[in-house]
């Protein structure tokens, strides 16, 4: 899908074709649509293909009159009763006349521009528009990190009461999400800092101030990832150790019970099979065997107790 918009202070107008100062919004574009962009806007085809590659890393590239910015944006999906956080690449291409955004699926970052939630959004101000997109991406990271921290606190409370493996698995998934976030944020940081030095992007002092704010927030998000990851890892390891210790104690109790009871049951079985027919009514032999079996069971239980810690 590919759409064209002209955003001005008084509203957003959808166009039938790209015009100077417009925003080209492409979601999972087909090969024919990519070719149209290549021919109508003179965008290198390798830029267009890279922009929709899910394995593409964050970077900046420039060729002729086009600049490609690859950044990673955060996404969240529901998985049963829980949420899974990950990242997806977004391609932003600046030409002399317009800004092109390419994503493999719809995202909340760009929907904020449709809903006019971004103040001062004007598509013809290309550099500012790009920085505003990067600001929204960084803001989403921070918002999702706060959600992850809140979810982790809830899981810890549940673990204290239940010690269930389900909560441990969810904590592991959250920790995995933080790894993805950290990697993507560091890649975005490199892109943001390169924009400061990029001569192919026209910037005004006001835009530079906004870009510096975005860089600061991006660094803050990286620090949040590190802190939350350490907290999650520590909590998960602690609860894993407690679960393992509880399992060990249960196994020990079962082994000790079997070690103590088995000799008694064996002695009674032997007495009933071997001695009762030949010594009817004689309780002394049964008593002796019972005492010996209890002693043997006690010794065996003590021995197993020392072996199973």
C-alpha atoms as a PDB file:
ATOM      1  CA  UNK A   1       0.000   0.000   0.000  1.00  0.00           C
ATOM      2  CA  UNK A   2       1.251   3.454  -0.887  1.00  0.00           C
ATOM      3  CA  UNK A   3      -0.356   6.833  -0.135  1.00  0.00           C
ATOM      4  CA  UNK A   4       0.679  10.461  -0.593  1.00  0.00           C
ATOM      5  CA  UNK A   5      -0.037  13.322   1.818  1.00  0.00           C
ATOM      6  CA  UNK A   6       0.578  17.022   2.056  1.00  0.00           C
ATOM      7  CA  UNK A   7       0.594  18.076   5.720  1.00  0.00           C
ATOM      8  CA  UNK A   8       0.241  21.769   6.534  1.00  0.00           C
ATOM      9  CA  UNK A   9      -0.644  23.690   9.717  1.00  0.00           C
ATOM     10  CA  UNK A  10      -4.310  23.797   8.676  1.00  0.00           C
ATOM     11  CA  UNK A  11      -4.645  20.048   8.027  1.00  0.00           C
ATOM     12  CA  UNK A  12      -3.570  17.044   5.991  1.00  0.00           C
ATOM     13  CA  UNK A  13      -4.536  16.549   2.354  1.00  0.00           C
ATOM     14  CA  UNK A  14      -4.252  13.198   0.579  1.00  0.00           C
ATOM     15  CA  UNK A  15      -2.872  13.378  -2.955  1.00  0.00           C
ATOM     16  CA  UNK A  16      -3.196  11.149  -5.991  1.00  0.00           C
ATOM     17  CA  UNK A  17       0.504  11.281  -6.813  1.00  0.00           C
ATOM     18  CA  UNK A  18       3.699  12.582  -5.210  1.00  0.00           C
ATOM     19  CA  UNK A  19       4.174  16.336  -5.282  1.00  0.00           C
ATOM     20  CA  UNK A  20       6.949  18.614  -3.949  1.00  0.00           C
ATOM     21  CA  UNK A  21       6.812  18.840  -0.172  1.00  0.00           C
ATOM     22  CA  UNK A  22       4.663  15.724   0.269  1.00  0.00           C
ATOM     23  CA  UNK A  23       4.977  12.672   2.496  1.00  0.00           C
ATOM     24  CA  UNK A  24       5.026   9.288   0.767  1.00  0.00           C
ATOM     25  CA  UNK A  25       3.660   6.654   3.130  1.00  0.00           C
ATOM     26  CA  UNK A  26       4.386   3.067   2.042  1.00  0.00           C
ATOM     27  CA  UNK A  27       3.392  -0.053   3.997  1.00  0.00           C
ATOM     28  CA  UNK A  28       4.654  -3.415   2.718  1.00  0.00           C
ATOM     29  CA  UNK A  29       4.913  -1.999  -0.817  1.00  0.00           C
ATOM     30  CA  UNK A  30       4.779  -4.394  -3.743  1.00  0.00           C
ATOM     31  CA  UNK A  31       7.505  -4.704  -6.343  1.00  0.00           C
ATOM     32  CA  UNK A  32       5.438  -2.576  -8.751  1.00  0.00           C
ATOM     33  CA  UNK A  33       5.030   0.170  -6.149  1.00  0.00           C
ATOM     34  CA  UNK A  34       8.760   0.179  -5.441  1.00  0.00           C
ATOM     35  CA  UNK A  35       9.414   0.543  -9.147  1.00  0.00           C
ATOM     36  CA  UNK A  36       6.976   3.477  -9.315  1.00  0.00           C
ATOM     37  CA  UNK A  37       8.883   5.226  -6.524  1.00  0.00           C
ATOM     38  CA  UNK A  38      12.156   4.504  -8.269  1.00  0.00           C
ATOM     39  CA  UNK A  39      10.939   5.978 -11.527  1.00  0.00           C
ATOM     40  CA  UNK A  40       8.912   8.934 -10.248  1.00  0.00           C
ATOM     41  CA  UNK A  41      11.262  10.120  -7.470  1.00  0.00           C
ATOM     42  CA  UNK A  42      14.604   8.809  -8.790  1.00  0.00           C
ATOM     43  CA  UNK A  43      15.246   6.833  -5.608  1.00  0.00           C
ATOM     44  CA  UNK A  44      17.954   4.159  -5.946  1.00  0.00           C
ATOM     45  CA  UNK A  45      16.315   0.762  -6.022  1.00  0.00           C
ATOM     46  CA  UNK A  46      18.782  -0.552  -3.431  1.00  0.00           C
ATOM     47  CA  UNK A  47      17.512   2.048  -0.968  1.00  0.00           C
ATOM     48  CA  UNK A  48      13.953   0.896  -1.499  1.00  0.00           C
ATOM     49  CA  UNK A  49      14.813  -2.769  -1.081  1.00  0.00           C
ATOM     50  CA  UNK A  50      16.872  -2.100   2.035  1.00  0.00           C
ATOM     51  CA  UNK A  51      14.040  -0.105   3.572  1.00  0.00           C
ATOM     52  CA  UNK A  52      11.693  -3.125   3.628  1.00  0.00           C
ATOM     53  CA  UNK A  53      14.321  -5.663   4.699  1.00  0.00           C
ATOM     54  CA  UNK A  54      13.523  -6.927   8.212  1.00  0.00           C
ATOM     55  CA  UNK A  55      17.185  -7.819   8.753  1.00  0.00           C
ATOM     56  CA  UNK A  56      18.544  -4.391   7.845  1.00  0.00           C
ATOM     57  CA  UNK A  57      20.582  -2.620  10.547  1.00  0.00           C
ATOM     58  CA  UNK A  58      20.274   1.015  11.591  1.00  0.00           C
ATOM     59  CA  UNK A  59      22.466   3.172   9.355  1.00  0.00           C
ATOM     60  CA  UNK A  60      22.680   6.215   7.058  1.00  0.00           C
ATOM     61  CA  UNK A  61      23.509   6.038   3.359  1.00  0.00           C
ATOM     62  CA  UNK A  62      23.615   8.699   0.673  1.00  0.00           C
ATOM     63  CA  UNK A  63      23.549   8.489  -3.102  1.00  0.00           C
ATOM     64  CA  UNK A  64      22.928  11.191  -5.689  1.00  0.00           C
ATOM     65  CA  UNK A  65      20.185  13.423  -4.246  1.00  0.00           C
ATOM     66  CA  UNK A  66      18.753  10.836  -1.831  1.00  0.00           C
ATOM     67  CA  UNK A  67      19.582  10.034   1.775  1.00  0.00           C
ATOM     68  CA  UNK A  68      18.505   6.770   3.391  1.00  0.00           C
ATOM     69  CA  UNK A  69      18.031   6.493   7.143  1.00  0.00           C
ATOM     70  CA  UNK A  70      17.421   3.033   8.574  1.00  0.00           C
ATOM     71  CA  UNK A  71      16.197   3.034  12.170  1.00  0.00           C
ATOM     72  CA  UNK A  72      14.584   0.479  14.463  1.00  0.00           C
ATOM     73  CA  UNK A  73      11.195   1.142  16.022  1.00  0.00           C
ATOM     74  CA  UNK A  74       9.618  -0.726  18.948  1.00  0.00           C
ATOM     75  CA  UNK A  75       6.516  -2.874  18.435  1.00  0.00           C
ATOM     76  CA  UNK A  76       4.314  -4.777  20.856  1.00  0.00           C
ATOM     77  CA  UNK A  77       2.094  -7.783  20.153  1.00  0.00           C
ATOM     78  CA  UNK A  78      -0.325  -9.750  22.303  1.00  0.00           C
ATOM     79  CA  UNK A  79       0.528 -13.381  23.017  1.00  0.00           C
ATOM     80  CA  UNK A  80      -2.282 -15.001  24.973  1.00  0.00           C
ATOM     81  CA  UNK A  81      -2.684 -12.961  28.151  1.00  0.00           C
ATOM     82  CA  UNK A  82       0.802 -11.435  27.877  1.00  0.00           C
ATOM     83  CA  UNK A  83       2.557  -8.984  25.557  1.00  0.00           C
ATOM     84  CA  UNK A  84       5.711  -9.518  23.533  1.00  0.00           C
ATOM     85  CA  UNK A  85       7.973  -6.581  22.712  1.00  0.00           C
ATOM     86  CA  UNK A  86      10.340  -6.508  19.764  1.00  0.00           C
ATOM     87  CA  UNK A  87      11.675  -4.137  17.104  1.00  0.00           C
ATOM     88  CA  UNK A  88      11.224  -3.626  13.370  1.00  0.00           C
ATOM     89  CA  UNK A  89      13.218  -1.513  10.912  1.00  0.00           C
ATOM     90  CA  UNK A  90      11.817   1.621   9.328  1.00  0.00           C
ATOM     91  CA  UNK A  91      13.267   3.160   6.196  1.00  0.00           C
ATOM     92  CA  UNK A  92      13.183   6.950   5.812  1.00  0.00           C
ATOM     93  CA  UNK A  93      14.286   8.356   2.476  1.00  0.00           C
ATOM     94  CA  UNK A  94      14.840  12.063   1.894  1.00  0.00           C
ATOM     95  CA  UNK A  95      14.793  13.374  -1.631  1.00  0.00           C
ATOM     96  CA  UNK A  96      15.073  16.955  -2.795  1.00  0.00           C
ATOM     97  CA  UNK A  97      11.297  17.260  -2.811  1.00  0.00           C
ATOM     98  CA  UNK A  98       9.712  14.864  -0.322  1.00  0.00           C
ATOM     99  CA  UNK A  99      10.066  12.391   2.533  1.00  0.00           C
ATOM    100  CA  UNK A 100       9.361   8.686   1.989  1.00  0.00           C
ATOM    101  CA  UNK A 101       8.706   6.298   4.882  1.00  0.00           C
ATOM    102  CA  UNK A 102       8.686   2.564   4.262  1.00  0.00           C
ATOM    103  CA  UNK A 103       7.618  -0.055   6.814  1.00  0.00           C
ATOM    104  CA  UNK A 104       6.621  -3.692   6.495  1.00  0.00           C
ATOM    105  CA  UNK A 105       3.425  -3.166   8.506  1.00  0.00           C
ATOM    106  CA  UNK A 106       1.394  -0.373  10.042  1.00  0.00           C
ATOM    107  CA  UNK A 107       2.873   1.120  13.196  1.00  0.00           C
ATOM    108  CA  UNK A 108       1.731   3.432  15.956  1.00  0.00           C
ATOM    109  CA  UNK A 109       4.676   5.779  15.364  1.00  0.00           C
ATOM    110  CA  UNK A 110       3.402   6.923  11.963  1.00  0.00           C
ATOM    111  CA  UNK A 111      -0.249   6.693  12.989  1.00  0.00           C
ATOM    112  CA  UNK A 112       0.456   9.527  15.437  1.00  0.00           C
ATOM    113  CA  UNK A 113       1.130  11.770  12.450  1.00  0.00           C
ATOM    114  CA  UNK A 114      -2.142  10.734  10.800  1.00  0.00           C
ATOM    115  CA  UNK A 115      -4.020  11.532  13.997  1.00  0.00           C
ATOM    116  CA  UNK A 116      -2.300  14.927  14.229  1.00  0.00           C
ATOM    117  CA  UNK A 117      -0.815  14.103  17.626  1.00  0.00           C
ATOM    118  CA  UNK A 118       2.525  15.639  16.630  1.00  0.00           C
ATOM    119  CA  UNK A 119       2.615  19.391  17.035  1.00  0.00           C
ATOM    120  CA  UNK A 120       4.161  21.439  14.265  1.00  0.00           C
ATOM    121  CA  UNK A 121       4.027  18.626  11.717  1.00  0.00           C
ATOM    122  CA  UNK A 122       4.573  20.044   8.227  1.00  0.00           C
ATOM    123  CA  UNK A 123       5.591  17.576   5.534  1.00  0.00           C
ATOM    124  CA  UNK A 124       7.455  20.173   3.478  1.00  0.00           C
ATOM    125  CA  UNK A 125       9.903  20.783   6.343  1.00  0.00           C
ATOM    126  CA  UNK A 126      11.755  17.606   5.578  1.00  0.00           C
ATOM    127  CA  UNK A 127      14.518  17.670   8.200  1.00  0.00           C
ATOM    128  CA  UNK A 128      12.125  18.577  10.992  1.00  0.00           C
ATOM    129  CA  UNK A 129       9.690  15.871   9.877  1.00  0.00           C
ATOM    130  CA  UNK A 130      12.443  13.244  10.040  1.00  0.00           C
ATOM    131  CA  UNK A 131      13.546  14.387  13.491  1.00  0.00           C
ATOM    132  CA  UNK A 132       9.916  14.321  14.661  1.00  0.00           C
ATOM    133  CA  UNK A 133       9.650  10.710  13.484  1.00  0.00           C
ATOM    134  CA  UNK A 134      12.806   9.844  15.419  1.00  0.00           C
ATOM    135  CA  UNK A 135      11.420  11.646  18.466  1.00  0.00           C
ATOM    136  CA  UNK A 136       8.204   9.597  18.323  1.00  0.00           C
ATOM    137  CA  UNK A 137      10.228   6.382  18.004  1.00  0.00           C
ATOM    138  CA  UNK A 138      12.304   7.256  21.072  1.00  0.00           C
ATOM    139  CA  UNK A 139       9.149   8.202  22.957  1.00  0.00           C
ATOM    140  CA  UNK A 140       7.616   4.801  22.147  1.00  0.00           C
ATOM    141  CA  UNK A 141      10.722   3.055  23.473  1.00  0.00           C
ATOM    142  CA  UNK A 142      10.445   4.907  26.783  1.00  0.00           C
ATOM    143  CA  UNK A 143       6.694   4.222  27.028  1.00  0.00           C
ATOM    144  CA  UNK A 144       7.163   0.493  26.346  1.00  0.00           C
ATOM    145  CA  UNK A 145      10.059   0.311  28.811  1.00  0.00           C
ATOM    146  CA  UNK A 146       7.794   1.671  31.525  1.00  0.00           C
ATOM    147  CA  UNK A 147       5.201  -0.959  30.607  1.00  0.00           C
ATOM    148  CA  UNK A 148       7.853  -3.683  30.811  1.00  0.00           C
ATOM    149  CA  UNK A 149       8.933  -2.474  34.246  1.00  0.00           C
ATOM    150  CA  UNK A 150       5.343  -2.433  35.476  1.00  0.00           C
ATOM    151  CA  UNK A 151       4.710  -5.937  34.086  1.00  0.00           C
ATOM    152  CA  UNK A 152       7.892  -7.205  35.742  1.00  0.00           C
ATOM    153  CA  UNK A 153       6.718  -5.869  39.117  1.00  0.00           C
ATOM    154  CA  UNK A 154       3.395  -7.689  38.731  1.00  0.00           C
ATOM    155  CA  UNK A 155       5.175 -10.934  37.809  1.00  0.00           C
ATOM    156  CA  UNK A 156       7.436 -10.647  40.851  1.00  0.00           C
ATOM    157  CA  UNK A 157       4.403 -10.257  43.118  1.00  0.00           C
ATOM    158  CA  UNK A 158       2.820 -13.354  41.595  1.00  0.00           C
ATOM    159  CA  UNK A 159       6.029 -15.329  41.934  1.00  0.00           C
ATOM    160  CA  UNK A 160       6.268 -14.609  45.643  1.00  0.00           C
ATOM    161  CA  UNK A 161       2.884 -16.205  46.155  1.00  0.00           C
ATOM    162  CA  UNK A 162       2.946 -19.055  43.646  1.00  0.00           C
ATOM    163  CA  UNK A 163       6.533 -19.802  42.514  1.00  0.00           C
ATOM    164  CA  UNK A 164       5.050 -20.800  39.143  1.00  0.00           C
ATOM    165  CA  UNK A 165       7.237 -21.465  36.107  1.00  0.00           C
ATOM    166  CA  UNK A 166       4.783 -19.495  33.931  1.00  0.00           C
ATOM    167  CA  UNK A 167       5.839 -16.212  35.511  1.00  0.00           C
ATOM    168  CA  UNK A 168       9.496 -17.139  35.147  1.00  0.00           C
ATOM    169  CA  UNK A 169       8.998 -17.767  31.421  1.00  0.00           C
ATOM    170  CA  UNK A 170       7.279 -14.397  31.021  1.00  0.00           C
ATOM    171  CA  UNK A 171      10.141 -12.680  32.857  1.00  0.00           C
ATOM    172  CA  UNK A 172      12.592 -14.371  30.507  1.00  0.00           C
ATOM    173  CA  UNK A 173      10.643 -13.024  27.505  1.00  0.00           C
ATOM    174  CA  UNK A 174      10.706  -9.513  28.966  1.00  0.00           C
ATOM    175  CA  UNK A 175      14.443  -9.787  29.493  1.00  0.00           C
ATOM    176  CA  UNK A 176      14.804 -10.925  25.884  1.00  0.00           C
ATOM    177  CA  UNK A 177      12.789  -7.886  24.749  1.00  0.00           C
ATOM    178  CA  UNK A 178      15.169  -5.606  26.645  1.00  0.00           C
ATOM    179  CA  UNK A 179      18.086  -7.146  24.753  1.00  0.00           C
ATOM    180  CA  UNK A 180      16.376  -6.298  21.451  1.00  0.00           C
ATOM    181  CA  UNK A 181      15.596  -2.781  22.669  1.00  0.00           C
ATOM    182  CA  UNK A 182      19.176  -2.152  23.796  1.00  0.00           C
ATOM    183  CA  UNK A 183      20.638  -3.279  20.471  1.00  0.00           C
ATOM    184  CA  UNK A 184      18.167  -1.191  18.465  1.00  0.00           C
ATOM    185  CA  UNK A 185      18.571   1.914  20.628  1.00  0.00           C
ATOM    186  CA  UNK A 186      22.333   1.799  20.255  1.00  0.00           C
ATOM    187  CA  UNK A 187      21.953   1.552  16.488  1.00  0.00           C
ATOM    188  CA  UNK A 188      19.531   4.487  16.495  1.00  0.00           C
ATOM    189  CA  UNK A 189      21.980   6.473  18.628  1.00  0.00           C
ATOM    190  CA  UNK A 190      24.645   6.109  15.953  1.00  0.00           C
ATOM    191  CA  UNK A 191      22.169   7.307  13.308  1.00  0.00           C
ATOM    192  CA  UNK A 192      21.119  10.319  15.404  1.00  0.00           C
ATOM    193  CA  UNK A 193      24.693  11.388  15.986  1.00  0.00           C
ATOM    194  CA  UNK A 194      25.494  11.043  12.301  1.00  0.00           C
ATOM    195  CA  UNK A 195      22.544  13.282  11.431  1.00  0.00           C
ATOM    196  CA  UNK A 196      24.239  16.024  13.455  1.00  0.00           C
ATOM    197  CA  UNK A 197      27.239  15.780  11.128  1.00  0.00           C
ATOM    198  CA  UNK A 198      25.286  15.015   7.948  1.00  0.00           C
ATOM    199  CA  UNK A 199      25.811  17.725   5.337  1.00  0.00           C
ATOM    200  CA  UNK A 200      23.187  16.334   2.953  1.00  0.00           C
ATOM    201  CA  UNK A 201      20.317  17.176   5.331  1.00  0.00           C
ATOM    202  CA  UNK A 202      19.370  20.837   5.579  1.00  0.00           C
ATOM    203  CA  UNK A 203      18.874  21.735   9.229  1.00  0.00           C
ATOM    204  CA  UNK A 204      17.964  24.941  11.030  1.00  0.00           C
ATOM    205  CA  UNK A 205      18.915  25.777  14.658  1.00  0.00           C
ATOM    206  CA  UNK A 206      15.423  24.907  15.890  1.00  0.00           C
ATOM    207  CA  UNK A 207      15.710  21.464  14.322  1.00  0.00           C
ATOM    208  CA  UNK A 208      19.150  20.969  15.860  1.00  0.00           C
ATOM    209  CA  UNK A 209      17.734  21.687  19.310  1.00  0.00           C
ATOM    210  CA  UNK A 210      15.016  19.090  18.794  1.00  0.00           C
ATOM    211  CA  UNK A 211      17.573  16.574  17.513  1.00  0.00           C
ATOM    212  CA  UNK A 212      19.754  17.070  20.600  1.00  0.00           C
ATOM    213  CA  UNK A 213      16.700  16.452  22.803  1.00  0.00           C
ATOM    214  CA  UNK A 214      16.023  13.220  20.915  1.00  0.00           C
ATOM    215  CA  UNK A 215      19.633  12.094  21.425  1.00  0.00           C
ATOM    216  CA  UNK A 216      19.346  12.746  25.167  1.00  0.00           C
ATOM    217  CA  UNK A 217      16.080  10.794  25.392  1.00  0.00           C
ATOM    218  CA  UNK A 218      17.591   7.943  23.377  1.00  0.00           C
ATOM    219  CA  UNK A 219      20.493   7.719  25.832  1.00  0.00           C
ATOM    220  CA  UNK A 220      18.016   7.783  28.689  1.00  0.00           C
ATOM    221  CA  UNK A 221      16.166   4.850  27.105  1.00  0.00           C
ATOM    222  CA  UNK A 222      19.450   2.912  26.818  1.00  0.00           C
ATOM    223  CA  UNK A 223      20.123   3.486  30.521  1.00  0.00           C
ATOM    224  CA  UNK A 224      16.583   2.395  31.386  1.00  0.00           C
ATOM    225  CA  UNK A 225      17.105  -0.806  29.412  1.00  0.00           C
ATOM    226  CA  UNK A 226      20.295  -1.559  31.310  1.00  0.00           C
ATOM    227  CA  UNK A 227      18.702  -0.949  34.728  1.00  0.00           C
ATOM    228  CA  UNK A 228      15.510  -2.911  33.996  1.00  0.00           C
ATOM    229  CA  UNK A 229      17.490  -5.757  32.462  1.00  0.00           C
ATOM    230  CA  UNK A 230      19.702  -6.060  35.550  1.00  0.00           C
ATOM    231  CA  UNK A 231      16.664  -5.992  37.841  1.00  0.00           C
ATOM    232  CA  UNK A 232      14.833  -8.607  35.784  1.00  0.00           C
ATOM    233  CA  UNK A 233      17.874 -10.845  35.558  1.00  0.00           C
ATOM    234  CA  UNK A 234      18.478 -10.653  39.300  1.00  0.00           C
ATOM    235  CA  UNK A 235      14.853 -11.360  40.171  1.00  0.00           C
ATOM    236  CA  UNK A 236      14.597 -14.225  37.693  1.00  0.00           C
ATOM    237  CA  UNK A 237      17.806 -15.825  38.940  1.00  0.00           C
ATOM    238  CA  UNK A 238      16.693 -15.493  42.556  1.00  0.00           C
ATOM    239  CA  UNK A 239      13.299 -17.077  41.931  1.00  0.00           C
ATOM    240  CA  UNK A 240      14.876 -19.790  39.791  1.00  0.00           C
ATOM    241  CA  UNK A 241      17.196 -20.641  42.674  1.00  0.00           C
ATOM    242  CA  UNK A 242      14.268 -20.717  45.098  1.00  0.00           C
ATOM    243  CA  UNK A 243      12.300 -22.984  42.771  1.00  0.00           C
ATOM    244  CA  UNK A 244      15.256 -25.326  42.356  1.00  0.00           C
ATOM    245  CA  UNK A 245      15.779 -25.387  46.144  1.00  0.00           C
ATOM    246  CA  UNK A 246      12.109 -26.205  46.728  1.00  0.00           C
ATOM    247  CA  UNK A 247      12.318 -29.045  44.200  1.00  0.00           C
ATOM    248  CA  UNK A 248      15.449 -30.336  45.915  1.00  0.00           C
ATOM    249  CA  UNK A 249      13.744 -30.326  49.309  1.00  0.00           C
ATOM    250  CA  UNK A 250      10.729 -32.152  47.913  1.00  0.00           C
ATOM    251  CA  UNK A 251      12.935 -34.789  46.278  1.00  0.00           C
ATOM    252  CA  UNK A 252      14.865 -35.207  49.509  1.00  0.00           C
ATOM    253  CA  UNK A 253      11.694 -35.687  51.513  1.00  0.00           C
ATOM    254  CA  UNK A 254      10.398 -38.325  49.098  1.00  0.00           C
ATOM    255  CA  UNK A 255      13.712 -40.215  49.093  1.00  0.00           C
ATOM    256  CA  UNK A 256      13.915 -40.147  52.892  1.00  0.00           C
ATOM    257  CA  UNK A 257      10.356 -41.385  53.188  1.00  0.00           C
ATOM    258  CA  UNK A 258      11.014 -44.249  50.808  1.00  0.00           C
ATOM    259  CA  UNK A 259      14.317 -45.062  52.549  1.00  0.00           C
ATOM    260  CA  UNK A 260      12.598 -45.204  55.926  1.00  0.00           C
ATOM    261  CA  UNK A 261       9.479 -47.132  54.925  1.00  0.00           C
ATOM    262  CA  UNK A 262      10.880 -49.593  52.381  1.00  0.00           C
ATOM    263  CA  UNK A 263      12.870 -51.738  54.883  1.00  0.00           C
ATOM    264  CA  UNK A 264       9.857 -52.022  57.180  1.00  0.00           C
ATOM    265  CA  UNK A 265       7.587 -53.128  54.366  1.00  0.00           C
ATOM    266  CA  UNK A 266      10.219 -55.574  53.116  1.00  0.00           C
ATOM    267  CA  UNK A 267      10.679 -57.070  56.586  1.00  0.00           C
ATOM    268  CA  UNK A 268       6.964 -57.552  57.081  1.00  0.00           C
ATOM    269  CA  UNK A 269       6.677 -59.162  53.676  1.00  0.00           C
ATOM    270  CA  UNK A 270       9.525 -61.563  54.390  1.00  0.00           C
ATOM    271  CA  UNK A 271       8.081 -62.462  57.772  1.00  0.00           C
ATOM    272  CA  UNK A 272       4.705 -63.198  56.286  1.00  0.00           C
ATOM    273  CA  UNK A 273       6.187 -65.346  53.525  1.00  0.00           C
ATOM    274  CA  UNK A 274       8.948 -67.229  55.342  1.00  0.00           C
ATOM    275  CA  UNK A 275       8.452 -67.324  59.072  1.00  0.00           C
ATOM    276  CA  UNK A 276       4.762 -67.068  59.857  1.00  0.00           C
ATOM    277  CA  UNK A 277       3.890 -70.570  58.564  1.00  0.00           C
ATOM    278  CA  UNK A 278       6.688 -72.194  60.611  1.00  0.00           C
ATOM    279  CA  UNK A 279       6.343 -70.084  63.734  1.00  0.00           C
ATOM    280  CA  UNK A 280       2.685 -69.477  64.196  1.00  0.00           C
ATOM    281  CA  UNK A 281       1.764 -67.275  67.118  1.00  0.00           C
ATOM    282  CA  UNK A 282       5.393 -66.254  67.857  1.00  0.00           C
ATOM    283  CA  UNK A 283       5.576 -62.449  68.133  1.00  0.00           C
ATOM    284  CA  UNK A 284       9.212 -62.340  69.186  1.00  0.00           C
ATOM    285  CA  UNK A 285      10.662 -63.005  65.745  1.00  0.00           C
ATOM    286  CA  UNK A 286       8.396 -60.401  64.157  1.00  0.00           C
ATOM    287  CA  UNK A 287       9.381 -57.843  66.805  1.00  0.00           C
ATOM    288  CA  UNK A 288      13.079 -58.477  66.251  1.00  0.00           C
ATOM    289  CA  UNK A 289      12.755 -58.112  62.474  1.00  0.00           C
ATOM    290  CA  UNK A 290      10.651 -54.968  62.862  1.00  0.00           C
ATOM    291  CA  UNK A 291      13.221 -53.330  65.188  1.00  0.00           C
ATOM    292  CA  UNK A 292      16.079 -54.282  62.884  1.00  0.00           C
ATOM    293  CA  UNK A 293      14.221 -52.945  59.824  1.00  0.00           C
ATOM    294  CA  UNK A 294      13.425 -49.652  61.577  1.00  0.00           C
ATOM    295  CA  UNK A 295      17.067 -49.296  62.524  1.00  0.00           C
ATOM    296  CA  UNK A 296      18.126 -50.081  58.977  1.00  0.00           C
ATOM    297  CA  UNK A 297      15.600 -47.607  57.627  1.00  0.00           C
ATOM    298  CA  UNK A 298      16.854 -44.910  59.996  1.00  0.00           C
ATOM    299  CA  UNK A 299      20.464 -45.521  58.990  1.00  0.00           C
ATOM    300  CA  UNK A 300      19.535 -45.468  55.293  1.00  0.00           C
ATOM    301  CA  UNK A 301      17.541 -42.269  55.709  1.00  0.00           C
ATOM    302  CA  UNK A 302      20.464 -40.608  57.507  1.00  0.00           C
ATOM    303  CA  UNK A 303      22.856 -41.733  54.790  1.00  0.00           C
ATOM    304  CA  UNK A 304      20.614 -40.416  51.978  1.00  0.00           C
ATOM    305  CA  UNK A 305      20.110 -37.159  53.872  1.00  0.00           C
ATOM    306  CA  UNK A 306      23.858 -36.510  53.770  1.00  0.00           C
ATOM    307  CA  UNK A 307      24.026 -37.369  50.073  1.00  0.00           C
ATOM    308  CA  UNK A 308      21.075 -35.168  48.983  1.00  0.00           C
ATOM    309  CA  UNK A 309      21.722 -31.544  49.950  1.00  0.00           C
END
